[in-house]
N, C-alpha and C. Protein backbone atom coordinates (compact mmCIF):
# COMPACT_ATOMS: atom_id res chain seq x y z
N MET A 1 -4.34 -0.34 -0.98
CA MET A 1 -2.93 -0.55 -0.75
C MET A 1 -2.41 -1.69 -1.64
N TYR A 2 -3.30 -2.59 -2.05
CA TYR A 2 -2.87 -3.66 -2.95
C TYR A 2 -2.34 -3.10 -4.26
N LEU A 3 -2.84 -1.95 -4.68
CA LEU A 3 -2.44 -1.37 -5.96
C LEU A 3 -1.00 -0.89 -5.97
N ILE A 4 -0.54 -0.35 -4.86
CA ILE A 4 0.79 0.25 -4.85
C ILE A 4 1.80 -0.56 -4.06
N GLY A 5 1.34 -1.58 -3.37
CA GLY A 5 2.26 -2.39 -2.58
C GLY A 5 2.97 -3.43 -3.43
N THR A 6 3.66 -4.31 -2.76
CA THR A 6 4.36 -5.39 -3.44
C THR A 6 3.35 -6.41 -3.98
N ALA A 7 3.84 -7.40 -4.68
CA ALA A 7 2.97 -8.42 -5.27
C ALA A 7 2.04 -9.02 -4.20
N HIS A 8 0.78 -9.21 -4.59
CA HIS A 8 -0.22 -9.74 -3.67
C HIS A 8 -1.30 -10.43 -4.50
N PRO A 9 -1.92 -11.49 -3.98
CA PRO A 9 -2.96 -12.18 -4.75
C PRO A 9 -4.14 -11.28 -5.15
N HIS A 10 -4.38 -10.19 -4.42
CA HIS A 10 -5.52 -9.31 -4.72
C HIS A 10 -5.14 -8.13 -5.62
N LYS A 11 -3.87 -8.01 -5.99
CA LYS A 11 -3.41 -6.84 -6.74
C LYS A 11 -4.16 -6.66 -8.07
N THR A 12 -4.24 -7.69 -8.88
CA THR A 12 -4.90 -7.59 -10.18
C THR A 12 -6.39 -7.30 -10.02
N GLU A 13 -7.03 -8.00 -9.10
CA GLU A 13 -8.46 -7.77 -8.86
C GLU A 13 -8.71 -6.33 -8.38
N ALA A 14 -7.83 -5.82 -7.53
CA ALA A 14 -7.97 -4.45 -7.05
C ALA A 14 -7.84 -3.46 -8.20
N GLN A 15 -6.95 -3.73 -9.15
CA GLN A 15 -6.78 -2.85 -10.31
C GLN A 15 -8.05 -2.83 -11.16
N VAL A 16 -8.64 -4.00 -11.39
CA VAL A 16 -9.86 -4.10 -12.19
C VAL A 16 -11.01 -3.37 -11.51
N ILE A 17 -11.15 -3.57 -10.21
CA ILE A 17 -12.22 -2.91 -9.46
C ILE A 17 -12.04 -1.40 -9.50
N LEU A 18 -10.82 -0.93 -9.27
CA LEU A 18 -10.57 0.51 -9.29
C LEU A 18 -10.88 1.11 -10.65
N GLU A 19 -10.46 0.45 -11.72
CA GLU A 19 -10.76 0.97 -13.05
C GLU A 19 -12.27 1.07 -13.28
N HIS A 20 -13.00 0.07 -12.82
CA HIS A 20 -14.46 0.11 -12.97
C HIS A 20 -15.05 1.29 -12.18
N LEU A 21 -14.62 1.44 -10.94
CA LEU A 21 -15.14 2.53 -10.11
C LEU A 21 -14.81 3.89 -10.69
N VAL A 22 -13.60 4.05 -11.16
CA VAL A 22 -13.20 5.33 -11.75
C VAL A 22 -14.06 5.64 -12.96
N ASP A 23 -14.28 4.65 -13.79
CA ASP A 23 -15.08 4.86 -15.00
C ASP A 23 -16.54 5.16 -14.69
N GLU A 24 -17.07 4.59 -13.62
CA GLU A 24 -18.51 4.66 -13.35
C GLU A 24 -18.92 5.60 -12.22
N VAL A 25 -18.05 5.82 -11.25
CA VAL A 25 -18.51 6.46 -10.01
C VAL A 25 -17.80 7.77 -9.69
N PHE A 26 -16.49 7.75 -9.65
CA PHE A 26 -15.76 8.88 -9.12
C PHE A 26 -15.83 10.10 -10.03
N PRO A 27 -15.91 11.30 -9.43
CA PRO A 27 -16.03 12.53 -10.22
C PRO A 27 -14.71 13.03 -10.78
N PHE A 28 -13.61 12.35 -10.52
CA PHE A 28 -12.36 12.82 -11.09
C PHE A 28 -11.94 11.90 -12.23
N GLU A 29 -10.99 12.36 -12.97
CA GLU A 29 -10.54 11.69 -14.17
C GLU A 29 -9.67 10.47 -13.85
N LYS A 30 -9.73 9.50 -14.73
CA LYS A 30 -8.90 8.31 -14.59
C LYS A 30 -7.42 8.70 -14.50
N ALA A 31 -7.02 9.69 -15.28
CA ALA A 31 -5.63 10.15 -15.27
C ALA A 31 -5.21 10.61 -13.88
N GLU A 32 -6.13 11.21 -13.13
CA GLU A 32 -5.80 11.67 -11.78
C GLU A 32 -5.53 10.49 -10.85
N VAL A 33 -6.31 9.45 -10.99
CA VAL A 33 -6.11 8.26 -10.16
C VAL A 33 -4.76 7.62 -10.52
N LEU A 34 -4.48 7.51 -11.81
CA LEU A 34 -3.21 6.92 -12.23
C LEU A 34 -2.04 7.77 -11.75
N ARG A 35 -2.16 9.09 -11.84
CA ARG A 35 -1.10 9.99 -11.36
C ARG A 35 -0.94 9.85 -9.85
N GLY A 36 -2.06 9.73 -9.13
CA GLY A 36 -1.99 9.51 -7.69
C GLY A 36 -1.23 8.24 -7.36
N GLY A 37 -1.44 7.21 -8.16
CA GLY A 37 -0.71 5.96 -7.97
C GLY A 37 0.78 6.13 -8.19
N GLU A 38 1.14 6.92 -9.21
CA GLU A 38 2.55 7.21 -9.45
C GLU A 38 3.17 7.95 -8.27
N ILE A 39 2.47 8.96 -7.79
CA ILE A 39 2.96 9.75 -6.66
C ILE A 39 3.14 8.88 -5.43
N ALA A 40 2.20 7.97 -5.19
CA ALA A 40 2.20 7.14 -3.98
C ALA A 40 3.18 5.98 -4.06
N GLN A 41 3.90 5.83 -5.16
CA GLN A 41 4.86 4.73 -5.27
C GLN A 41 5.92 4.79 -4.18
N ASN A 42 6.17 5.97 -3.64
CA ASN A 42 7.10 6.11 -2.53
C ASN A 42 6.29 6.45 -1.29
N PRO A 43 5.78 5.43 -0.58
CA PRO A 43 4.92 5.70 0.58
C PRO A 43 5.63 6.45 1.70
N ALA A 44 6.96 6.48 1.70
CA ALA A 44 7.68 7.26 2.71
C ALA A 44 7.48 8.74 2.46
N LEU A 45 7.17 9.11 1.21
CA LEU A 45 6.99 10.52 0.86
C LEU A 45 5.58 10.99 1.17
N LEU A 46 4.57 10.24 0.70
CA LEU A 46 3.18 10.65 0.87
C LEU A 46 2.26 9.45 1.04
N SER A 47 1.17 9.65 1.73
CA SER A 47 0.16 8.60 1.82
C SER A 47 -0.60 8.52 0.49
N ALA A 48 -1.29 7.42 0.27
CA ALA A 48 -2.08 7.27 -0.95
C ALA A 48 -3.16 8.35 -1.02
N ARG A 49 -3.75 8.68 0.10
CA ARG A 49 -4.79 9.72 0.14
C ARG A 49 -4.22 11.07 -0.27
N ALA A 50 -3.08 11.42 0.28
CA ALA A 50 -2.45 12.70 -0.08
C ALA A 50 -2.05 12.70 -1.55
N ALA A 51 -1.60 11.57 -2.04
CA ALA A 51 -1.18 11.47 -3.45
C ALA A 51 -2.34 11.76 -4.40
N VAL A 52 -3.52 11.24 -4.09
CA VAL A 52 -4.68 11.50 -4.95
C VAL A 52 -5.07 12.97 -4.88
N HIS A 53 -5.02 13.56 -3.69
CA HIS A 53 -5.30 15.00 -3.57
C HIS A 53 -4.34 15.80 -4.45
N ILE A 54 -3.06 15.46 -4.40
CA ILE A 54 -2.07 16.19 -5.18
C ILE A 54 -2.31 16.01 -6.67
N ALA A 55 -2.66 14.81 -7.08
CA ALA A 55 -2.94 14.56 -8.51
C ALA A 55 -4.09 15.43 -9.00
N VAL A 56 -5.15 15.54 -8.21
CA VAL A 56 -6.29 16.39 -8.58
C VAL A 56 -5.86 17.85 -8.61
N MET A 57 -5.07 18.27 -7.63
CA MET A 57 -4.60 19.64 -7.59
C MET A 57 -3.74 19.97 -8.81
N GLU A 58 -2.85 19.04 -9.18
CA GLU A 58 -2.00 19.26 -10.36
C GLU A 58 -2.86 19.47 -11.61
N ARG A 59 -3.87 18.66 -11.77
CA ARG A 59 -4.73 18.74 -12.96
C ARG A 59 -5.41 20.10 -13.07
N HIS A 60 -5.75 20.67 -11.92
CA HIS A 60 -6.48 21.93 -11.90
C HIS A 60 -5.59 23.14 -11.63
N GLY A 61 -4.28 22.93 -11.57
CA GLY A 61 -3.34 24.04 -11.39
C GLY A 61 -3.37 24.66 -10.01
N ILE A 62 -3.77 23.89 -9.02
CA ILE A 62 -3.84 24.38 -7.64
C ILE A 62 -2.49 24.12 -6.96
N ARG A 63 -1.90 25.16 -6.38
CA ARG A 63 -0.57 25.05 -5.78
C ARG A 63 -0.56 25.20 -4.27
N SER A 64 -1.72 25.36 -3.64
CA SER A 64 -1.76 25.46 -2.17
C SER A 64 -2.95 24.68 -1.65
N ILE A 65 -2.81 24.23 -0.40
CA ILE A 65 -3.86 23.44 0.23
C ILE A 65 -3.97 23.83 1.70
N LEU A 66 -5.18 23.91 2.19
CA LEU A 66 -5.44 24.16 3.60
C LEU A 66 -5.55 22.80 4.27
N SER A 67 -4.55 22.46 5.09
CA SER A 67 -4.51 21.11 5.67
C SER A 67 -3.65 21.09 6.92
N PHE A 68 -4.00 20.22 7.85
CA PHE A 68 -3.16 19.97 9.01
C PHE A 68 -2.18 18.83 8.74
N ASP A 69 -2.29 18.18 7.59
CA ASP A 69 -1.48 17.02 7.23
C ASP A 69 -0.10 17.46 6.75
N GLY A 70 0.91 17.23 7.56
CA GLY A 70 2.27 17.63 7.24
C GLY A 70 2.88 16.89 6.06
N ASP A 71 2.24 15.79 5.61
CA ASP A 71 2.74 15.08 4.43
C ASP A 71 2.85 16.02 3.23
N PHE A 72 1.93 16.96 3.12
CA PHE A 72 1.92 17.86 1.97
C PHE A 72 3.16 18.75 1.93
N ASP A 73 3.81 18.95 3.07
CA ASP A 73 5.03 19.77 3.10
C ASP A 73 6.17 19.13 2.31
N ARG A 74 6.10 17.83 2.10
CA ARG A 74 7.18 17.11 1.41
C ARG A 74 7.01 17.11 -0.10
N TRP A 75 5.93 17.74 -0.61
CA TRP A 75 5.73 17.76 -2.06
C TRP A 75 6.26 19.07 -2.62
N PRO A 76 7.25 19.00 -3.53
CA PRO A 76 7.86 20.22 -4.06
C PRO A 76 6.86 21.12 -4.79
N GLY A 77 6.96 22.41 -4.51
CA GLY A 77 6.12 23.39 -5.19
C GLY A 77 4.73 23.54 -4.63
N LEU A 78 4.41 22.80 -3.58
CA LEU A 78 3.08 22.88 -2.98
C LEU A 78 3.19 23.64 -1.66
N GLN A 79 2.30 24.60 -1.47
CA GLN A 79 2.28 25.37 -0.23
C GLN A 79 1.13 24.87 0.63
N ARG A 80 1.46 24.44 1.84
CA ARG A 80 0.42 24.02 2.78
C ARG A 80 0.09 25.17 3.71
N ILE A 81 -1.16 25.53 3.78
CA ILE A 81 -1.65 26.57 4.68
C ILE A 81 -2.21 25.84 5.91
N HIS A 82 -1.62 26.07 7.05
CA HIS A 82 -2.08 25.35 8.23
C HIS A 82 -2.30 26.24 9.45
N ARG A 83 -2.07 27.54 9.28
CA ARG A 83 -2.37 28.47 10.37
C ARG A 83 -2.48 29.88 9.81
N ILE A 84 -3.10 30.71 10.59
CA ILE A 84 -3.31 32.10 10.19
C ILE A 84 -2.12 32.94 10.62
């Protein structure tokens, strides 16, 4: 949350740590994490977790998600599948 919130003493350190983790650990691209951060800039729209999911989906051309999380309903062009 330090990454997308207002100014905080841990903001810069959190950015450095995240960049290191993305480069070394996570199986998704750095661009996806950065795009997730852009999406999450408006926390009233989506949670940071949902934003990263959407960024990965955008990269892979995925337009629907099976989820109980209603946050996904607020993303234009995304279809949430939540019942049969």
